[in-house]
Amino acid sequence: MSQRILLAIAILLAALVLGLAFFWQPELPERPLPVAAAPAGGDFTLQSASGPVALQDFRGKVVLVYFGYTYCPDICPTSLAATAEGLKLLSPEELARVVVIFVSVDPERDSPARLKEYGDFFHPAIVGVTGAADEVAAIARRYGVFYARQPVATAGGGYVVDHTSDTYIVAPDGRLDGKIPHAAPPEQVAAEIRKRLTKP
């Protein structure tokens, strides 16, 4: 007899829980989810092997801004190689209106001379720049870029730098106008550039 009562109670509780799950929809106050602020981008001036380079020097051109470092084992070479291949798909007239700025997030090891050699290896339109660590950090924040030094287990106490791997697109009027994801194929790189070149 007691088993029947327990079974009946269990069935009743199960029905109650199922009923609540299907039919009870409490009205909650509408709370919009917080939206992350879009990166502001903006002008900056850093040092290249040829002297100071200011973003505003390239008004009228599409500027691709990439944050990385020359000792990067894989991410940077992959991104810059794809960008360089994308640049090769442009006509000479289009290419004349495009520049790539490679901002080093490892100013301790990346001198302007080293950055020039590194950029030229991929494409002559790539300008390598660097600056004081606090300058680079402030610019990276404005572009929504994360990077952090990570030690590696080597005899010399070396390190790598984890970093955001997107390429940022600055429109001819100087506005931050989007980004190209890491490992995007060259055709996508060229298409993103052309989109900005043809905007009124």
Protein backbone atom coordinates (compact mmCIF):
# COMPACT_ATOMS: atom_id res chain seq x y z
CA MET A 1 0.00 0.00 0.00
CA SER A 2 2.77 2.45 0.94
CA GLN A 3 4.59 1.68 -2.33
CA ARG A 4 1.47 2.66 -4.33
CA ILE A 5 1.23 5.92 -2.42
CA LEU A 6 4.92 6.68 -3.01
CA LEU A 7 4.53 5.86 -6.71
CA ALA A 8 1.49 8.12 -6.98
CA ILE A 9 3.36 10.95 -5.26
CA ALA A 10 6.35 10.47 -7.58
CA ILE A 11 4.08 10.58 -10.65
CA LEU A 12 2.34 13.70 -9.35
CA LEU A 13 5.66 15.45 -8.70
CA ALA A 14 6.97 14.50 -12.13
CA ALA A 15 3.81 15.86 -13.77
CA LEU A 16 4.13 19.09 -11.76
CA VAL A 17 7.77 19.58 -12.80
CA LEU A 18 6.95 18.90 -16.46
CA GLY A 19 4.00 21.27 -16.29
CA LEU A 20 6.19 24.03 -14.87
CA ALA A 21 8.84 23.43 -17.51
CA PHE A 22 6.36 23.70 -20.39
CA PHE A 23 3.88 26.30 -19.23
CA TRP A 24 5.52 28.59 -16.69
CA GLN A 25 7.13 31.52 -18.44
CA PRO A 26 7.72 34.28 -15.93
CA GLU A 27 7.96 37.77 -17.34
CA LEU A 28 11.41 39.12 -16.73
CA PRO A 29 12.29 42.76 -17.06
CA GLU A 30 14.00 43.54 -20.36
CA ARG A 31 17.68 44.08 -19.82
CA PRO A 32 19.74 44.71 -22.91
CA LEU A 33 22.98 42.79 -22.92
CA PRO A 34 26.06 44.96 -22.61
CA VAL A 35 27.75 45.56 -25.95
CA ALA A 36 31.51 45.71 -26.15
CA ALA A 37 32.69 49.06 -27.40
CA ALA A 38 34.02 48.94 -30.93
CA PRO A 39 37.73 49.73 -31.21
CA ALA A 40 38.30 53.40 -31.95
CA GLY A 41 41.45 53.04 -34.03
CA GLY A 42 42.91 56.44 -34.84
CA ASP A 43 46.14 58.09 -35.85
CA PHE A 44 49.53 57.12 -34.50
CA THR A 45 53.18 57.80 -35.26
CA LEU A 46 55.91 55.18 -34.85
CA GLN A 47 59.46 54.70 -36.09
CA SER A 48 60.47 52.91 -39.27
CA ALA A 49 63.94 52.39 -40.71
CA SER A 50 63.33 55.51 -42.83
CA GLY A 51 62.16 57.68 -39.94
CA PRO A 52 58.78 58.47 -38.35
CA VAL A 53 55.70 56.98 -39.99
CA ALA A 54 52.31 58.53 -39.21
CA LEU A 55 49.05 56.88 -40.18
CA GLN A 56 47.71 60.24 -41.32
CA ASP A 57 50.50 60.36 -43.94
CA PHE A 58 48.47 57.81 -45.88
CA ARG A 59 45.14 59.64 -46.17
CA GLY A 60 43.56 58.72 -49.49
CA LYS A 61 44.96 55.19 -49.30
CA VAL A 62 43.63 51.97 -47.83
CA VAL A 63 45.90 51.01 -44.94
CA LEU A 64 46.11 47.50 -43.53
CA VAL A 65 47.47 47.52 -39.97
CA TYR A 66 48.85 44.30 -38.55
CA PHE A 67 50.24 43.83 -35.03
CA GLY A 68 52.88 41.13 -34.68
CA TYR A 69 56.61 40.58 -34.30
CA THR A 70 59.48 39.28 -36.39
CA TYR A 71 60.35 36.36 -34.08
CA CYS A 72 56.80 35.00 -34.37
CA PRO A 73 57.11 31.31 -35.29
CA ASP A 74 53.96 30.87 -37.38
CA ILE A 75 51.02 33.30 -37.08
CA CYS A 76 52.76 36.42 -38.44
CA PRO A 77 54.46 34.74 -41.41
CA THR A 78 51.16 33.10 -42.39
CA SER A 79 49.22 36.37 -42.16
CA LEU A 80 51.82 38.47 -43.96
CA ALA A 81 52.26 35.88 -46.70
CA ALA A 82 48.49 35.83 -47.36
CA THR A 83 48.40 39.63 -47.34
CA ALA A 84 51.31 39.80 -49.77
CA GLU A 85 49.59 37.34 -52.10
CA GLY A 86 46.43 39.44 -51.90
CA LEU A 87 48.41 42.55 -52.85
CA LYS A 88 49.75 40.72 -55.91
CA LEU A 89 46.16 40.31 -57.15
CA LEU A 90 45.71 44.09 -57.34
CA SER A 91 46.39 46.12 -60.44
CA PRO A 92 49.37 48.53 -60.30
CA GLU A 93 46.88 51.43 -60.00
CA GLU A 94 45.12 49.77 -57.06
CA LEU A 95 48.39 48.80 -55.37
CA ALA A 96 49.58 52.42 -55.53
CA ARG A 97 46.67 53.30 -53.21
CA VAL A 98 47.43 50.64 -50.56
CA VAL A 99 49.97 50.37 -47.75
CA VAL A 100 50.48 47.78 -45.02
CA ILE A 101 51.79 48.89 -41.62
CA PHE A 102 53.35 46.10 -39.55
CA VAL A 103 53.40 47.25 -35.91
CA SER A 104 55.81 45.28 -33.73
CA VAL A 105 54.47 44.25 -30.34
CA ASP A 106 58.02 43.22 -29.41
CA PRO A 107 59.94 46.51 -29.44
CA GLU A 108 62.60 45.00 -27.20
CA ARG A 109 63.89 42.79 -30.03
CA ASP A 110 62.46 44.38 -33.20
CA SER A 111 64.56 47.30 -34.34
CA PRO A 112 63.35 49.45 -37.27
CA ALA A 113 66.12 47.96 -39.44
CA ARG A 114 65.04 44.42 -38.62
CA LEU A 115 61.41 45.30 -39.31
CA LYS A 116 62.31 46.71 -42.73
CA GLU A 117 64.16 43.56 -43.69
CA TYR A 118 61.28 41.42 -42.45
CA GLY A 119 58.57 43.43 -44.26
CA ASP A 120 60.53 43.59 -47.53
CA PHE A 121 60.83 39.80 -47.48
CA PHE A 122 57.05 39.56 -47.91
CA HIS A 123 56.23 42.65 -50.01
CA PRO A 124 57.66 46.15 -50.57
CA ALA A 125 54.29 47.69 -49.61
CA ILE A 126 54.77 46.47 -46.01
CA VAL A 127 56.22 49.14 -43.70
CA GLY A 128 57.55 47.88 -40.37
CA VAL A 129 57.29 50.25 -37.40
CA THR A 130 57.92 50.20 -33.68
CA GLY A 131 58.21 52.50 -30.71
CA ALA A 132 58.51 52.57 -26.94
CA ALA A 133 56.65 49.74 -25.21
CA ASP A 134 54.05 52.10 -23.69
CA GLU A 135 53.40 53.76 -27.08
CA VAL A 136 52.80 50.41 -28.75
CA ALA A 137 50.54 49.30 -25.88
CA ALA A 138 48.41 52.45 -26.14
CA ILE A 139 47.97 52.04 -29.91
CA ALA A 140 47.15 48.35 -29.54
CA ARG A 141 44.42 49.17 -26.99
CA ARG A 142 42.82 51.67 -29.37
CA TYR A 143 42.70 49.00 -32.06
CA GLY A 144 41.33 46.31 -29.74
CA VAL A 145 44.53 44.27 -29.95
CA PHE A 146 45.62 41.92 -27.17
CA TYR A 147 49.18 40.75 -26.71
CA ALA A 148 51.14 39.20 -23.87
CA ARG A 149 54.68 37.99 -23.47
CA GLN A 150 55.02 34.30 -22.56
CA PRO A 151 58.29 32.72 -21.37
CA VAL A 152 59.51 29.58 -23.10
CA ALA A 153 61.64 26.87 -21.57
CA THR A 154 64.97 27.51 -23.26
CA ALA A 155 68.51 27.83 -21.94
CA GLY A 156 68.58 31.52 -22.91
CA GLY A 157 65.31 32.34 -21.18
CA GLY A 158 63.56 33.33 -24.40
CA TYR A 159 59.93 34.29 -24.89
CA VAL A 160 57.14 34.40 -27.42
CA VAL A 161 54.35 36.95 -27.66
CA ASP A 162 50.75 35.79 -27.87
CA HIS A 163 48.84 38.35 -29.92
CA THR A 164 45.66 39.11 -31.81
CA SER A 165 46.08 37.95 -35.39
CA ASP A 166 43.49 40.00 -37.32
CA THR A 167 44.51 42.62 -39.88
CA TYR A 168 42.79 45.98 -39.35
CA ILE A 169 41.49 47.97 -42.31
CA VAL A 170 41.78 51.75 -42.24
CA ALA A 171 39.69 53.46 -44.92
CA PRO A 172 41.11 56.28 -47.08
CA ASP A 173 39.50 58.86 -44.76
CA GLY A 174 41.42 57.47 -41.75
CA ARG A 175 38.53 55.59 -40.11
CA LEU A 176 38.98 52.08 -38.75
CA ASP A 177 36.67 50.27 -41.16
CA GLY A 178 36.82 46.56 -40.34
CA LYS A 179 39.27 43.72 -40.16
CA ILE A 180 40.45 40.70 -42.07
CA PRO A 181 40.60 37.45 -40.07
CA HIS A 182 43.80 35.47 -39.72
CA ALA A 183 44.48 33.03 -42.56
CA ALA A 184 41.99 34.72 -44.90
CA PRO A 185 42.80 33.65 -48.47
CA PRO A 186 44.50 36.17 -50.79
CA GLU A 187 41.30 36.60 -52.78
CA GLN A 188 39.49 37.80 -49.65
CA VAL A 189 42.32 40.20 -48.84
CA ALA A 190 42.14 41.71 -52.33
CA ALA A 191 38.33 41.90 -52.19
CA GLU A 192 38.37 43.73 -48.83
CA ILE A 193 40.88 46.24 -50.18
CA ARG A 194 38.91 46.83 -53.40
CA LYS A 195 35.73 47.36 -51.41
CA ARG A 196 37.34 50.34 -49.67
CA LEU A 197 39.00 51.65 -52.82
CA THR A 198 35.65 51.89 -54.59
CA LYS A 199 33.67 53.47 -51.72
CA PRO A 200 32.61 57.04 -52.53
